[in-house]
Amino acid sequence: MTGRASTTSRPLWTCPKCRRQFINTNMPHSCGRYSVQKFLAGKSRHAISLYEHFSALVSDSGPVQIAPAKTRIGFQVRMIFAAVNKLSDHGLEAHVVLTRRLDTPRFRRIETMTPRCFVHHFKLESLSDLDEEVKSWLREAYQVGTQEHLSRR
């Protein structure tokens, strides 16, 4: 077993204060008690419906942990692979983490974090935006969240 393969089986570190789990010890984060309920508080029915449908699509990829933070809701397997960053009447702003740069006009911005880590930002304005293309991004990102790609290197 290589050092990379052991990465996917190594236990996650749990922050003793907020109980969030991370792939590495003492990861910087907005430590606090956050919740989906607090994130959705005061949002319109349309916004909440977008969030609920997006969250259901994420869960269709496999078992996930919801990782609420100060300004977003992350979806995590071993690492956060998708997140809702902003939610309003104008839509749901989110991102997925992929191991490749995927160019499509639906992505508003793509950040290169490392040579094999790209954060793809997008916005969904209506339930009809939650289509097969979005489902495919989430399935691919879910695999990144498992960190299985590290053991295949």
N, C-alpha and C. Protein backbone atom coordinates (compact mmCIF):
# COMPACT_ATOMS: atom_id res chain seq x y z
N MET A 1 0.85 -1.19 0.00
CA MET A 1 0.00 0.00 0.00
C MET A 1 0.89 1.24 0.00
N THR A 2 0.61 2.18 -0.88
CA THR A 2 1.39 3.40 -0.95
C THR A 2 0.91 4.38 0.11
N GLY A 3 1.68 5.43 0.32
CA GLY A 3 1.28 6.47 1.25
C GLY A 3 -0.02 7.13 0.84
N ARG A 4 -0.22 7.24 -0.49
CA ARG A 4 -1.46 7.83 -1.00
C ARG A 4 -2.67 6.96 -0.68
N ALA A 5 -2.54 5.67 -0.86
CA ALA A 5 -3.67 4.78 -0.61
C ALA A 5 -4.08 4.84 0.86
N SER A 6 -3.11 4.97 1.75
CA SER A 6 -3.44 5.03 3.16
C SER A 6 -4.21 6.31 3.51
N THR A 7 -4.12 7.33 2.65
CA THR A 7 -4.86 8.57 2.87
C THR A 7 -6.36 8.30 2.92
N THR A 8 -6.85 7.40 2.08
CA THR A 8 -8.29 7.15 2.02
C THR A 8 -8.80 6.30 3.17
N SER A 9 -7.90 5.65 3.89
CA SER A 9 -8.35 4.82 5.00
C SER A 9 -8.01 5.43 6.36
N ARG A 10 -7.20 6.48 6.34
CA ARG A 10 -6.82 7.14 7.59
C ARG A 10 -8.06 7.77 8.23
N PRO A 11 -8.23 7.60 9.54
CA PRO A 11 -9.40 8.20 10.21
C PRO A 11 -9.40 9.72 10.06
N LEU A 12 -10.58 10.29 10.00
CA LEU A 12 -10.72 11.74 9.94
C LEU A 12 -10.44 12.33 11.32
N TRP A 13 -9.91 13.54 11.34
CA TRP A 13 -9.70 14.27 12.59
C TRP A 13 -10.98 15.02 12.91
N THR A 14 -11.41 14.98 14.17
CA THR A 14 -12.61 15.68 14.62
C THR A 14 -12.20 16.85 15.50
N CYS A 15 -12.68 18.04 15.12
CA CYS A 15 -12.41 19.23 15.93
C CYS A 15 -13.05 19.03 17.31
N PRO A 16 -12.29 19.19 18.39
CA PRO A 16 -12.86 18.97 19.72
C PRO A 16 -13.90 20.01 20.12
N LYS A 17 -13.89 21.18 19.46
CA LYS A 17 -14.84 22.23 19.82
C LYS A 17 -16.16 22.12 19.07
N CYS A 18 -16.08 22.00 17.75
CA CYS A 18 -17.32 22.02 16.96
C CYS A 18 -17.73 20.65 16.43
N ARG A 19 -16.87 19.65 16.56
CA ARG A 19 -17.13 18.26 16.17
C ARG A 19 -17.13 18.03 14.66
N ARG A 20 -16.71 19.05 13.85
CA ARG A 20 -16.58 18.82 12.41
C ARG A 20 -15.40 17.93 12.14
N GLN A 21 -15.51 17.14 11.07
CA GLN A 21 -14.43 16.23 10.72
C GLN A 21 -13.65 16.75 9.52
N PHE A 22 -12.34 16.46 9.54
CA PHE A 22 -11.43 16.93 8.50
C PHE A 22 -10.44 15.84 8.15
N ILE A 23 -9.85 15.96 6.95
CA ILE A 23 -8.89 14.95 6.51
C ILE A 23 -7.54 15.12 7.20
N ASN A 24 -7.24 16.32 7.68
CA ASN A 24 -5.97 16.57 8.37
C ASN A 24 -6.22 17.18 9.75
N THR A 25 -5.30 16.94 10.65
CA THR A 25 -5.38 17.47 12.01
C THR A 25 -5.27 18.99 12.01
N ASN A 26 -6.06 19.63 12.87
CA ASN A 26 -6.01 21.08 13.10
C ASN A 26 -6.22 21.92 11.84
N MET A 27 -7.11 21.47 10.97
CA MET A 27 -7.42 22.24 9.76
C MET A 27 -8.08 23.56 10.15
N PRO A 28 -7.68 24.66 9.54
CA PRO A 28 -8.34 25.93 9.84
C PRO A 28 -9.78 25.91 9.34
N HIS A 29 -10.68 26.43 10.16
CA HIS A 29 -12.09 26.48 9.79
C HIS A 29 -12.81 27.47 10.68
N SER A 30 -14.05 27.80 10.29
CA SER A 30 -14.86 28.70 11.12
C SER A 30 -15.53 27.85 12.18
N CYS A 31 -14.83 27.65 13.25
CA CYS A 31 -15.27 26.77 14.32
C CYS A 31 -16.48 27.39 15.02
N GLY A 32 -17.54 26.66 15.07
CA GLY A 32 -18.75 27.15 15.72
C GLY A 32 -19.87 26.16 15.54
N ARG A 33 -20.98 26.47 16.12
CA ARG A 33 -22.16 25.61 16.01
C ARG A 33 -23.07 26.20 14.93
N TYR A 34 -22.99 25.65 13.75
CA TYR A 34 -23.79 26.12 12.63
C TYR A 34 -24.76 25.02 12.23
N SER A 35 -25.83 25.40 11.55
CA SER A 35 -26.81 24.40 11.15
C SER A 35 -27.45 24.80 9.82
N VAL A 36 -28.03 23.81 9.17
CA VAL A 36 -28.78 24.07 7.95
C VAL A 36 -29.96 24.98 8.28
N GLN A 37 -30.61 24.74 9.42
CA GLN A 37 -31.76 25.55 9.82
C GLN A 37 -31.39 27.03 9.93
N LYS A 38 -30.23 27.32 10.52
CA LYS A 38 -29.79 28.71 10.62
C LYS A 38 -29.49 29.29 9.25
N PHE A 39 -28.88 28.48 8.38
CA PHE A 39 -28.55 28.93 7.03
C PHE A 39 -29.83 29.26 6.25
N LEU A 40 -30.88 28.47 6.45
CA LEU A 40 -32.13 28.67 5.71
C LEU A 40 -33.07 29.69 6.34
N ALA A 41 -32.79 30.10 7.58
CA ALA A 41 -33.66 31.03 8.30
C ALA A 41 -33.87 32.32 7.50
N GLY A 42 -35.14 32.68 7.35
CA GLY A 42 -35.48 33.93 6.67
C GLY A 42 -35.46 33.84 5.14
N LYS A 43 -35.14 32.68 4.60
CA LYS A 43 -35.11 32.52 3.15
C LYS A 43 -36.51 32.28 2.61
N SER A 44 -36.72 32.63 1.36
CA SER A 44 -38.02 32.45 0.72
C SER A 44 -38.29 30.97 0.46
N ARG A 45 -39.53 30.66 0.20
CA ARG A 45 -39.91 29.28 -0.14
C ARG A 45 -39.16 28.81 -1.38
N HIS A 46 -39.01 29.69 -2.36
CA HIS A 46 -38.28 29.35 -3.60
C HIS A 46 -36.83 28.98 -3.28
N ALA A 47 -36.18 29.79 -2.47
CA ALA A 47 -34.78 29.53 -2.11
C ALA A 47 -34.65 28.21 -1.35
N ILE A 48 -35.53 27.99 -0.40
CA ILE A 48 -35.48 26.75 0.38
C ILE A 48 -35.73 25.54 -0.51
N SER A 49 -36.65 25.66 -1.44
CA SER A 49 -36.93 24.56 -2.37
C SER A 49 -35.70 24.25 -3.23
N LEU A 50 -35.02 25.28 -3.72
CA LEU A 50 -33.78 25.07 -4.48
C LEU A 50 -32.76 24.32 -3.64
N TYR A 51 -32.59 24.76 -2.39
CA TYR A 51 -31.63 24.10 -1.50
C TYR A 51 -32.01 22.63 -1.28
N GLU A 52 -33.27 22.39 -0.95
CA GLU A 52 -33.71 21.03 -0.66
C GLU A 52 -33.53 20.10 -1.85
N HIS A 53 -33.86 20.57 -3.05
CA HIS A 53 -33.70 19.75 -4.24
C HIS A 53 -32.22 19.53 -4.57
N PHE A 54 -31.40 20.56 -4.41
CA PHE A 54 -29.96 20.40 -4.64
C PHE A 54 -29.39 19.40 -3.64
N SER A 55 -29.75 19.53 -2.38
CA SER A 55 -29.26 18.63 -1.34
C SER A 55 -29.67 17.18 -1.64
N ALA A 56 -30.89 16.99 -2.13
CA ALA A 56 -31.35 15.65 -2.49
C ALA A 56 -30.53 15.08 -3.64
N LEU A 57 -30.20 15.91 -4.62
CA LEU A 57 -29.35 15.46 -5.74
C LEU A 57 -27.98 15.05 -5.24
N VAL A 58 -27.42 15.83 -4.33
CA VAL A 58 -26.12 15.50 -3.76
C VAL A 58 -26.21 14.13 -3.08
N SER A 59 -27.24 13.92 -2.30
CA SER A 59 -27.40 12.66 -1.57
C SER A 59 -27.62 11.47 -2.48
N ASP A 60 -28.10 11.70 -3.69
CA ASP A 60 -28.28 10.61 -4.66
C ASP A 60 -26.94 9.99 -5.05
N SER A 61 -25.84 10.72 -4.86
CA SER A 61 -24.52 10.21 -5.22
C SER A 61 -23.99 9.18 -4.23
N GLY A 62 -24.49 9.22 -3.00
CA GLY A 62 -24.05 8.32 -1.96
C GLY A 62 -24.20 8.96 -0.60
N PRO A 63 -23.79 8.25 0.47
CA PRO A 63 -23.91 8.80 1.82
C PRO A 63 -23.03 10.04 1.98
N VAL A 64 -23.60 11.09 2.55
CA VAL A 64 -22.85 12.33 2.76
C VAL A 64 -23.07 12.83 4.18
N GLN A 65 -22.10 13.61 4.64
CA GLN A 65 -22.26 14.35 5.88
C GLN A 65 -22.55 15.79 5.48
N ILE A 66 -23.47 16.41 6.16
CA ILE A 66 -23.73 17.84 5.96
C ILE A 66 -22.77 18.57 6.88
N ALA A 67 -22.02 19.52 6.32
CA ALA A 67 -21.01 20.25 7.08
C ALA A 67 -21.32 21.75 7.05
N PRO A 68 -22.26 22.19 7.90
CA PRO A 68 -22.57 23.62 7.93
C PRO A 68 -21.38 24.41 8.46
N ALA A 69 -21.14 25.55 7.85
CA ALA A 69 -20.08 26.46 8.30
C ALA A 69 -20.70 27.85 8.45
N LYS A 70 -19.88 28.82 8.73
CA LYS A 70 -20.36 30.17 9.00
C LYS A 70 -21.12 30.76 7.81
N THR A 71 -20.61 30.53 6.58
CA THR A 71 -21.21 31.18 5.42
C THR A 71 -21.69 30.22 4.35
N ARG A 72 -21.64 28.92 4.59
CA ARG A 72 -22.03 27.96 3.56
C ARG A 72 -22.43 26.63 4.17
N ILE A 73 -22.99 25.77 3.31
CA ILE A 73 -23.30 24.39 3.70
C ILE A 73 -22.46 23.49 2.81
N GLY A 74 -21.56 22.74 3.42
CA GLY A 74 -20.72 21.82 2.67
C GLY A 74 -21.31 20.42 2.69
N PHE A 75 -20.97 19.66 1.66
CA PHE A 75 -21.35 18.26 1.56
C PHE A 75 -20.06 17.46 1.52
N GLN A 76 -19.93 16.51 2.42
CA GLN A 76 -18.65 15.86 2.68
C GLN A 76 -18.79 14.35 2.68
N VAL A 77 -17.78 13.68 2.12
CA VAL A 77 -17.59 12.25 2.32
C VAL A 77 -16.37 12.20 3.23
N ARG A 78 -15.17 12.14 2.67
CA ARG A 78 -13.97 12.35 3.48
C ARG A 78 -13.61 13.84 3.46
N MET A 79 -13.75 14.46 2.32
CA MET A 79 -13.52 15.90 2.20
C MET A 79 -14.77 16.54 1.59
N ILE A 80 -14.90 17.84 1.72
CA ILE A 80 -16.03 18.55 1.13
C ILE A 80 -15.83 18.57 -0.38
N PHE A 81 -16.83 18.08 -1.09
CA PHE A 81 -16.75 17.98 -2.54
C PHE A 81 -17.73 18.91 -3.25
N ALA A 82 -18.69 19.44 -2.50
CA ALA A 82 -19.67 20.38 -3.04
C ALA A 82 -20.14 21.26 -1.89
N ALA A 83 -20.63 22.44 -2.24
CA ALA A 83 -21.14 23.34 -1.20
C ALA A 83 -22.12 24.33 -1.80
N VAL A 84 -23.08 24.73 -0.98
CA VAL A 84 -23.95 25.85 -1.29
C VAL A 84 -23.32 27.05 -0.60
N ASN A 85 -22.91 28.03 -1.38
CA ASN A 85 -22.20 29.19 -0.86
C ASN A 85 -23.10 30.39 -0.58
N LYS A 86 -24.19 30.46 -1.32
CA LYS A 86 -25.11 31.59 -1.16
C LYS A 86 -26.49 31.14 -1.63
N LEU A 87 -27.51 31.63 -0.94
CA LEU A 87 -28.87 31.25 -1.26
C LEU A 87 -29.76 32.47 -1.10
N SER A 88 -30.51 32.80 -2.16
CA SER A 88 -31.41 33.95 -2.12
C SER A 88 -32.54 33.74 -3.11
N ASP A 89 -33.42 34.72 -3.21
CA ASP A 89 -34.50 34.66 -4.20
C ASP A 89 -33.95 34.60 -5.62
N HIS A 90 -32.72 35.04 -5.80
CA HIS A 90 -32.10 35.07 -7.13
C HIS A 90 -31.48 33.73 -7.50
N GLY A 91 -31.37 32.83 -6.56
CA GLY A 91 -30.84 31.51 -6.88
C GLY A 91 -29.91 30.95 -5.82
N LEU A 92 -29.35 29.81 -6.17
CA LEU A 92 -28.44 29.08 -5.30
C LEU A 92 -27.06 29.10 -5.95
N GLU A 93 -26.09 29.66 -5.25
CA GLU A 93 -24.72 29.68 -5.74
C GLU A 93 -23.96 28.56 -5.04
N ALA A 94 -23.31 27.72 -5.85
CA ALA A 94 -22.67 26.53 -5.31
C ALA A 94 -21.35 26.28 -6.02
N HIS A 95 -20.65 25.25 -5.53
CA HIS A 95 -19.45 24.79 -6.23
C HIS A 95 -19.30 23.29 -6.07
N VAL A 96 -18.56 22.71 -7.00
CA VAL A 96 -18.15 21.31 -6.93
C VAL A 96 -16.64 21.27 -7.11
N VAL A 97 -16.01 20.26 -6.50
CA VAL A 97 -14.57 20.07 -6.61
C VAL A 97 -14.33 18.88 -7.54
N LEU A 98 -13.56 19.10 -8.59
CA LEU A 98 -13.26 18.06 -9.55
C LEU A 98 -11.74 17.93 -9.70
N THR A 99 -11.29 16.79 -10.20
CA THR A 99 -9.84 16.58 -10.41
C THR A 99 -9.40 17.06 -11.78
N ARG A 100 -10.32 17.61 -12.53
CA ARG A 100 -10.00 18.14 -13.86
C ARG A 100 -10.75 19.44 -14.06
N ARG A 101 -10.25 20.24 -14.97
CA ARG A 101 -10.94 21.47 -15.35
C ARG A 101 -12.00 21.09 -16.37
N LEU A 102 -13.23 21.40 -16.06
CA LEU A 102 -14.35 21.08 -16.94
C LEU A 102 -14.92 22.38 -17.48
N ASP A 103 -14.67 22.66 -18.73
CA ASP A 103 -15.11 23.93 -19.31
C ASP A 103 -16.53 23.80 -19.86
N THR A 104 -17.42 24.58 -19.31
CA THR A 104 -18.80 24.70 -19.78
C THR A 104 -19.26 26.11 -19.42
N PRO A 105 -20.09 26.70 -20.25
CA PRO A 105 -20.54 28.07 -19.95
C PRO A 105 -21.34 28.19 -18.65
N ARG A 106 -21.80 27.06 -18.12
CA ARG A 106 -22.58 27.11 -16.88
C ARG A 106 -21.71 27.42 -15.67
N PHE A 107 -20.41 27.21 -15.78
CA PHE A 107 -19.52 27.56 -14.67
C PHE A 107 -19.18 29.04 -14.77
N ARG A 108 -19.41 29.75 -13.69
CA ARG A 108 -19.12 31.19 -13.65
C ARG A 108 -17.64 31.47 -13.43
N ARG A 109 -17.00 30.51 -12.74
CA ARG A 109 -15.58 30.68 -12.40
C ARG A 109 -15.03 29.31 -12.07
N ILE A 110 -13.75 29.09 -12.42
CA ILE A 110 -13.07 27.85 -12.06
C ILE A 110 -11.75 28.23 -11.40
N GLU A 111 -11.58 27.78 -10.17
CA GLU A 111 -10.33 28.05 -9.43
C GLU A 111 -9.44 26.83 -9.49
N THR A 112 -8.17 27.04 -9.79
CA THR A 112 -7.20 25.96 -9.76
C THR A 112 -6.54 25.97 -8.39
N MET A 113 -6.79 24.92 -7.61
CA MET A 113 -6.21 24.84 -6.27
C MET A 113 -4.86 24.12 -6.32
N THR A 114 -4.81 23.01 -7.06
CA THR A 114 -3.58 22.24 -7.30
C THR A 114 -3.71 21.70 -8.72
N PRO A 115 -2.67 21.04 -9.23
CA PRO A 115 -2.79 20.50 -10.60
C PRO A 115 -3.92 19.48 -10.77
N ARG A 116 -4.42 18.91 -9.68
CA ARG A 116 -5.53 17.94 -9.77
C ARG A 116 -6.71 18.32 -8.89
N CYS A 117 -6.87 19.60 -8.63
CA CYS A 117 -8.00 20.07 -7.81
C CYS A 117 -8.52 21.39 -8.36
N PHE A 118 -9.74 21.33 -8.89
CA PHE A 118 -10.37 22.50 -9.50
C PHE A 118 -11.74 22.72 -8.86
N VAL A 119 -11.98 23.95 -8.42
CA VAL A 119 -13.26 24.30 -7.80
C VAL A 119 -14.08 25.04 -8.86
N HIS A 120 -15.21 24.44 -9.22
CA HIS A 120 -16.08 24.95 -10.28
C HIS A 120 -17.30 25.61 -9.65
N HIS A 121 -17.47 26.92 -9.86
CA HIS A 121 -18.56 27.69 -9.28
C HIS A 121 -19.69 27.87 -10.29
N PHE A 122 -20.93 27.74 -9.81
CA PHE A 122 -22.08 27.88 -10.69
C PHE A 122 -23.27 28.42 -9.91
N LYS A 123 -24.30 28.81 -10.66
CA LYS A 123 -25.53 29.32 -10.05
C LYS A 123 -26.72 28.60 -10.65
N LEU A 124 -27.65 28.23 -9.79
CA LEU A 124 -28.91 27.61 -10.20
C LEU A 124 -30.03 28.57 -9.84
N GLU A 125 -30.83 28.93 -10.82
CA GLU A 125 -31.90 29.90 -10.56
C GLU A 125 -33.27 29.27 -10.42
N SER A 126 -33.45 28.08 -10.99
CA SER A 126 -34.76 27.43 -10.91
C SER A 126 -34.56 25.92 -10.78
N LEU A 127 -35.62 25.24 -10.40
CA LEU A 127 -35.55 23.79 -10.24
C LEU A 127 -35.19 23.10 -11.55
N SER A 128 -35.57 23.69 -12.67
CA SER A 128 -35.24 23.09 -13.97
C SER A 128 -33.74 23.11 -14.25
N ASP A 129 -32.99 23.95 -13.53
CA ASP A 129 -31.52 23.97 -13.67
C ASP A 129 -30.88 22.72 -13.06
N LEU A 130 -31.61 22.01 -12.22
CA LEU A 130 -31.09 20.79 -11.58
C LEU A 130 -31.28 19.62 -12.55
N ASP A 131 -30.48 19.61 -13.59
CA ASP A 131 -30.65 18.66 -14.67
C ASP A 131 -29.57 17.57 -14.67
N GLU A 132 -29.54 16.78 -15.72
CA GLU A 132 -28.58 15.67 -15.82
C GLU A 132 -27.13 16.16 -15.77
N GLU A 133 -26.87 17.33 -16.34
CA GLU A 133 -25.50 17.85 -16.32
C GLU A 133 -25.05 18.12 -14.88
N VAL A 134 -25.91 18.76 -14.09
CA VAL A 134 -25.59 19.02 -12.69
C VAL A 134 -25.42 17.71 -11.93
N LYS A 135 -26.30 16.75 -12.20
CA LYS A 135 -26.18 15.43 -11.56
C LYS A 135 -24.82 14.80 -11.87
N SER A 136 -24.37 14.93 -13.10
CA SER A 136 -23.07 14.33 -13.48
C SER A 136 -21.93 15.02 -12.75
N TRP A 137 -21.99 16.34 -12.58
CA TRP A 137 -20.95 17.05 -11.81
C TRP A 137 -20.92 16.54 -10.38
N LEU A 138 -22.10 16.37 -9.80
CA LEU A 138 -22.17 15.94 -8.40
C LEU A 138 -21.66 14.52 -8.23
N ARG A 139 -21.96 13.63 -9.16
CA ARG A 139 -21.45 12.25 -9.08
C ARG A 139 -19.92 12.25 -9.18
N GLU A 140 -19.39 13.03 -10.10
CA GLU A 140 -17.93 13.10 -10.25
C GLU A 140 -17.29 13.72 -9.02
N ALA A 141 -17.88 14.79 -8.52
CA ALA A 141 -17.35 15.46 -7.33
C ALA A 141 -17.43 14.54 -6.10
N TYR A 142 -18.48 13.74 -6.01
CA TYR A 142 -18.62 12.80 -4.90
C TYR A 142 -17.40 11.87 -4.85
N GLN A 143 -16.98 11.39 -6.01
CA GLN A 143 -15.81 10.52 -6.07
C GLN A 143 -14.56 11.25 -5.57
N VAL A 144 -14.45 12.54 -5.87
CA VAL A 144 -13.35 13.34 -5.34
C VAL A 144 -13.46 13.39 -3.82
N GLY A 145 -14.67 13.55 -3.32
CA GLY A 145 -14.90 13.60 -1.88
C GLY A 145 -14.48 12.33 -1.15
N THR A 146 -14.52 11.20 -1.83
CA THR A 146 -14.08 9.94 -1.21
C THR A 146 -12.56 9.84 -1.16
N GLN A 147 -11.89 10.66 -1.95
CA GLN A 147 -10.43 10.67 -2.11
C GLN A 147 -9.90 9.41 -2.79
N GLU A 148 -10.76 8.66 -3.42
CA GLU A 148 -10.32 7.45 -4.12
C GLU A 148 -9.33 7.77 -5.23
N HIS A 149 -9.44 8.96 -5.82
CA HIS A 149 -8.50 9.32 -6.89
C HIS A 149 -7.06 9.36 -6.40
N LEU A 150 -6.86 9.55 -5.11
CA LEU A 150 -5.50 9.58 -4.57
C LEU A 150 -4.86 8.20 -4.56
N SER A 151 -5.67 7.17 -4.39
CA SER A 151 -5.11 5.82 -4.34
C SER A 151 -4.85 5.26 -5.75
N ARG A 152 -5.38 5.92 -6.78
CA ARG A 152 -5.17 5.45 -8.16
C ARG A 152 -3.96 6.10 -8.81
N ARG A 153 -3.27 6.98 -8.12
CA ARG A 153 -2.13 7.69 -8.72
C ARG A 153 -0.94 6.81 -8.83
